[in-house]
Amino acid sequence: MRARTRGFSLIETLVGAALVALLAAMGYPSYAEQVQLARRADAWDALARLALAQERHRSRNTTFADDLDALGQPPHSPAQHYRVRVSTADAEGYVLEAWPSPGSSQTGDLRCQRLRVTVQRGVLQRASYDRQGQDSTRRCFVS
């Protein structure tokens, strides 16, 4: 009497591996998009910090600050995925911008390349733009 060997054949193992690879390939783009979304929150956080620093500066001066040094803020977001700057500033408002840091994986976030906060006469507006400069605020805004 011959004993039967238990286990999986090579074909069964390859079919299983192919199914796992297929599921991973289907799920990875969604995962990568969620990572980009989470990292965009890093940019919005940096812009919110700059806006608060601008308001603090304005409470002590007659105009808003036109550079980061006057605000005592770094030129990057907390997690350093984005660079930030004061684009313009005067007595009535300011524009703050964030864009992916060179070498950051966020440079691959084609839909949301530039994030902007504009405050004019006390009204705050958020906006974002894709790589071609088209408005992509509805797709990029993180509430």
C-alpha atoms as a PDB file:
ATOM      1  CA  MET A   1       0.000   0.000   0.000  1.00  0.00           C
ATOM      2  CA  ARG A   2       1.362   3.360  -1.032  1.00  0.00           C
ATOM      3  CA  ALA A   3       1.080   6.439   1.261  1.00  0.00           C
ATOM      4  CA  ARG A   4      -0.483   9.547  -0.238  1.00  0.00           C
ATOM      5  CA  THR A   5       1.444  12.759   0.080  1.00  0.00           C
ATOM      6  CA  ARG A   6      -0.547  15.651   1.458  1.00  0.00           C
ATOM      7  CA  GLY A   7       0.004  19.267   0.424  1.00  0.00           C
ATOM      8  CA  PHE A   8      -0.394  21.562  -2.533  1.00  0.00           C
ATOM      9  CA  SER A   9       0.904  20.906  -5.995  1.00  0.00           C
ATOM     10  CA  LEU A  10       3.060  23.440  -7.790  1.00  0.00           C
ATOM     11  CA  ILE A  11       0.134  24.454 -10.012  1.00  0.00           C
ATOM     12  CA  GLU A  12      -2.131  25.091  -7.019  1.00  0.00           C
ATOM     13  CA  THR A  13       0.553  27.198  -5.339  1.00  0.00           C
ATOM     14  CA  LEU A  14       1.110  29.262  -8.504  1.00  0.00           C
ATOM     15  CA  VAL A  15      -2.635  29.854  -8.929  1.00  0.00           C
ATOM     16  CA  GLY A  16      -2.834  31.035  -5.308  1.00  0.00           C
ATOM     17  CA  ALA A  17       0.158  33.340  -5.762  1.00  0.00           C
ATOM     18  CA  ALA A  18      -1.362  34.768  -8.954  1.00  0.00           C
ATOM     19  CA  LEU A  19      -4.625  35.521  -7.131  1.00  0.00           C
ATOM     20  CA  VAL A  20      -2.776  37.283  -4.308  1.00  0.00           C
ATOM     21  CA  ALA A  21      -0.778  39.327  -6.850  1.00  0.00           C
ATOM     22  CA  LEU A  22      -3.965  40.259  -8.723  1.00  0.00           C
ATOM     23  CA  LEU A  23      -5.691  41.429  -5.535  1.00  0.00           C
ATOM     24  CA  ALA A  24      -2.620  43.434  -4.513  1.00  0.00           C
ATOM     25  CA  ALA A  25      -2.412  45.059  -7.955  1.00  0.00           C
ATOM     26  CA  MET A  26      -6.067  46.054  -7.729  1.00  0.00           C
ATOM     27  CA  GLY A  27      -5.732  47.480  -4.214  1.00  0.00           C
ATOM     28  CA  TYR A  28      -2.441  49.370  -4.498  1.00  0.00           C
ATOM     29  CA  PRO A  29      -3.707  52.380  -6.521  1.00  0.00           C
ATOM     30  CA  SER A  30      -6.431  52.976  -3.949  1.00  0.00           C
ATOM     31  CA  TYR A  31      -3.892  52.709  -1.139  1.00  0.00           C
ATOM     32  CA  ALA A  32      -1.504  55.129  -2.874  1.00  0.00           C
ATOM     33  CA  GLU A  33      -4.333  57.637  -3.372  1.00  0.00           C
ATOM     34  CA  GLN A  34      -5.207  57.476   0.326  1.00  0.00           C
ATOM     35  CA  VAL A  35      -1.562  58.099   1.247  1.00  0.00           C
ATOM     36  CA  GLN A  36      -1.520  61.183  -0.998  1.00  0.00           C
ATOM     37  CA  LEU A  37      -4.765  62.409   0.558  1.00  0.00           C
ATOM     38  CA  ALA A  38      -3.334  62.013   4.057  1.00  0.00           C
ATOM     39  CA  ARG A  39      -0.171  63.861   3.079  1.00  0.00           C
ATOM     40  CA  ARG A  40      -2.209  66.713   1.608  1.00  0.00           C
ATOM     41  CA  ALA A  41      -3.531  67.215   5.129  1.00  0.00           C
ATOM     42  CA  ASP A  42       0.097  67.960   6.079  1.00  0.00           C
ATOM     43  CA  ALA A  43       0.077  70.867   3.609  1.00  0.00           C
ATOM     44  CA  TRP A  44      -3.260  72.196   4.871  1.00  0.00           C
ATOM     45  CA  ASP A  45      -1.872  71.980   8.420  1.00  0.00           C
ATOM     46  CA  ALA A  46       1.166  74.046   7.423  1.00  0.00           C
ATOM     47  CA  LEU A  47      -1.035  76.626   5.699  1.00  0.00           C
ATOM     48  CA  ALA A  48      -3.297  76.857   8.762  1.00  0.00           C
ATOM     49  CA  ARG A  49      -0.246  77.433  10.974  1.00  0.00           C
ATOM     50  CA  LEU A  50       0.948  80.173   8.636  1.00  0.00           C
ATOM     51  CA  ALA A  51      -2.503  81.787   8.626  1.00  0.00           C
ATOM     52  CA  LEU A  52      -2.505  81.845  12.434  1.00  0.00           C
ATOM     53  CA  ALA A  53       0.996  83.314  12.444  1.00  0.00           C
ATOM     54  CA  GLN A  54      -0.165  85.973   9.956  1.00  0.00           C
ATOM     55  CA  GLU A  55      -3.086  86.937  12.193  1.00  0.00           C
ATOM     56  CA  ARG A  56      -0.776  87.112  15.201  1.00  0.00           C
ATOM     57  CA  HIS A  57       1.652  89.289  13.211  1.00  0.00           C
ATOM     58  CA  ARG A  58      -1.156  91.578  12.006  1.00  0.00           C
ATOM     59  CA  SER A  59      -2.400  92.098  15.571  1.00  0.00           C
ATOM     60  CA  ARG A  60       0.993  93.673  16.388  1.00  0.00           C
ATOM     61  CA  ASN A  61       1.687  95.457  13.088  1.00  0.00           C
ATOM     62  CA  THR A  62      -0.129  97.508  10.454  1.00  0.00           C
ATOM     63  CA  THR A  63       0.287  94.915   7.679  1.00  0.00           C
ATOM     64  CA  PHE A  64       0.567  91.182   7.217  1.00  0.00           C
ATOM     65  CA  ALA A  65       4.064  89.699   6.886  1.00  0.00           C
ATOM     66  CA  ASP A  66       5.403  89.148   3.382  1.00  0.00           C
ATOM     67  CA  ASP A  67       7.934  86.433   4.284  1.00  0.00           C
ATOM     68  CA  LEU A  68       8.294  83.426   6.556  1.00  0.00           C
ATOM     69  CA  ASP A  69      11.146  84.912   8.592  1.00  0.00           C
ATOM     70  CA  ALA A  70       8.899  87.696   9.881  1.00  0.00           C
ATOM     71  CA  LEU A  71       6.427  85.015  10.969  1.00  0.00           C
ATOM     72  CA  GLY A  72       9.064  82.790  12.544  1.00  0.00           C
ATOM     73  CA  GLN A  73       7.826  79.839  10.503  1.00  0.00           C
ATOM     74  CA  PRO A  74       9.812  77.147   8.620  1.00  0.00           C
ATOM     75  CA  PRO A  75       9.672  76.912   4.798  1.00  0.00           C
ATOM     76  CA  HIS A  76       8.160  73.414   4.909  1.00  0.00           C
ATOM     77  CA  SER A  77       5.179  71.534   6.320  1.00  0.00           C
ATOM     78  CA  PRO A  78       5.490  69.675   9.648  1.00  0.00           C
ATOM     79  CA  ALA A  79       6.193  66.311   7.969  1.00  0.00           C
ATOM     80  CA  GLN A  80       8.256  68.048   5.246  1.00  0.00           C
ATOM     81  CA  HIS A  81       6.185  66.679   2.355  1.00  0.00           C
ATOM     82  CA  TYR A  82       5.476  70.250   1.183  1.00  0.00           C
ATOM     83  CA  ARG A  83       7.290  73.562   0.811  1.00  0.00           C
ATOM     84  CA  VAL A  84       5.352  76.679   1.862  1.00  0.00           C
ATOM     85  CA  ARG A  85       5.650  80.408   1.275  1.00  0.00           C
ATOM     86  CA  VAL A  86       3.907  83.740   1.643  1.00  0.00           C
ATOM     87  CA  SER A  87       3.096  84.576  -1.963  1.00  0.00           C
ATOM     88  CA  THR A  88       1.812  88.125  -1.365  1.00  0.00           C
ATOM     89  CA  ALA A  89       0.832  90.219   1.634  1.00  0.00           C
ATOM     90  CA  ASP A  90      -0.372  93.750   2.346  1.00  0.00           C
ATOM     91  CA  ALA A  91      -2.548  95.564   4.893  1.00  0.00           C
ATOM     92  CA  GLU A  92      -5.767  93.888   3.689  1.00  0.00           C
ATOM     93  CA  GLY A  93      -4.754  90.271   3.192  1.00  0.00           C
ATOM     94  CA  TYR A  94      -2.279  87.653   2.091  1.00  0.00           C
ATOM     95  CA  VAL A  95      -1.811  84.576  -0.079  1.00  0.00           C
ATOM     96  CA  LEU A  96      -0.099  81.436   1.237  1.00  0.00           C
ATOM     97  CA  GLU A  97       1.000  78.569  -1.012  1.00  0.00           C
ATOM     98  CA  ALA A  98       2.183  74.992  -0.575  1.00  0.00           C
ATOM     99  CA  TRP A  99       3.645  72.645  -3.201  1.00  0.00           C
ATOM    100  CA  PRO A 100       5.351  69.221  -2.986  1.00  0.00           C
ATOM    101  CA  SER A 101       8.931  69.205  -1.709  1.00  0.00           C
ATOM    102  CA  PRO A 102      11.483  68.054  -4.296  1.00  0.00           C
ATOM    103  CA  GLY A 103      12.068  64.334  -3.858  1.00  0.00           C
ATOM    104  CA  SER A 104       8.816  63.847  -1.937  1.00  0.00           C
ATOM    105  CA  SER A 105       6.387  61.184  -3.125  1.00  0.00           C
ATOM    106  CA  GLN A 106       3.816  63.995  -3.284  1.00  0.00           C
ATOM    107  CA  THR A 107       5.397  65.192  -6.529  1.00  0.00           C
ATOM    108  CA  GLY A 108       3.436  62.304  -8.056  1.00  0.00           C
ATOM    109  CA  ASP A 109       0.163  63.817  -6.828  1.00  0.00           C
ATOM    110  CA  LEU A 110      -0.674  65.283 -10.229  1.00  0.00           C
ATOM    111  CA  ARG A 111      -4.167  66.459  -9.286  1.00  0.00           C
ATOM    112  CA  CYS A 112      -3.117  68.638  -6.352  1.00  0.00           C
ATOM    113  CA  GLN A 113       0.252  70.201  -7.126  1.00  0.00           C
ATOM    114  CA  ARG A 114      -0.348  73.623  -5.590  1.00  0.00           C
ATOM    115  CA  LEU A 115      -2.483  74.368  -2.541  1.00  0.00           C
ATOM    116  CA  ARG A 116      -3.393  77.953  -1.710  1.00  0.00           C
ATOM    117  CA  VAL A 117      -5.006  79.913   1.121  1.00  0.00           C
ATOM    118  CA  THR A 118      -6.100  83.470   0.333  1.00  0.00           C
ATOM    119  CA  VAL A 119      -7.308  85.895   2.995  1.00  0.00           C
ATOM    120  CA  GLN A 120      -8.640  89.216   1.742  1.00  0.00           C
ATOM    121  CA  ARG A 121     -10.460  91.624   4.061  1.00  0.00           C
ATOM    122  CA  GLY A 122     -11.120  88.863   6.576  1.00  0.00           C
ATOM    123  CA  VAL A 123     -12.510  86.319   4.083  1.00  0.00           C
ATOM    124  CA  LEU A 124     -10.554  83.051   3.822  1.00  0.00           C
ATOM    125  CA  GLN A 125     -10.635  80.964   0.645  1.00  0.00           C
ATOM    126  CA  ARG A 126      -8.904  77.657  -0.056  1.00  0.00           C
ATOM    127  CA  ALA A 127      -7.935  76.539  -3.531  1.00  0.00           C
ATOM    128  CA  SER A 128      -5.819  73.911  -5.233  1.00  0.00           C
ATOM    129  CA  TYR A 129      -4.417  73.487  -8.720  1.00  0.00           C
ATOM    130  CA  ASP A 130      -3.236  70.523 -10.777  1.00  0.00           C
ATOM    131  CA  ARG A 131       0.039  70.291 -12.676  1.00  0.00           C
ATOM    132  CA  GLN A 132      -1.375  72.273 -15.638  1.00  0.00           C
ATOM    133  CA  GLY A 133      -2.617  75.057 -13.345  1.00  0.00           C
ATOM    134  CA  GLN A 134      -6.287  74.080 -13.642  1.00  0.00           C
ATOM    135  CA  ASP A 135      -8.492  74.544 -10.576  1.00  0.00           C
ATOM    136  CA  SER A 136      -8.802  71.199  -8.774  1.00  0.00           C
ATOM    137  CA  THR A 137     -10.208  72.441  -5.452  1.00  0.00           C
ATOM    138  CA  ARG A 138     -13.200  70.061  -5.433  1.00  0.00           C
ATOM    139  CA  ARG A 139     -10.952  67.014  -5.851  1.00  0.00           C
ATOM    140  CA  CYS A 140      -8.213  68.082  -3.449  1.00  0.00           C
ATOM    141  CA  PHE A 141      -9.892  69.819  -0.563  1.00  0.00           C
ATOM    142  CA  VAL A 142      -9.603  67.898   2.700  1.00  0.00           C
ATOM    143  CA  SER A 143     -12.314  68.873   5.149  1.00  0.00           C
END
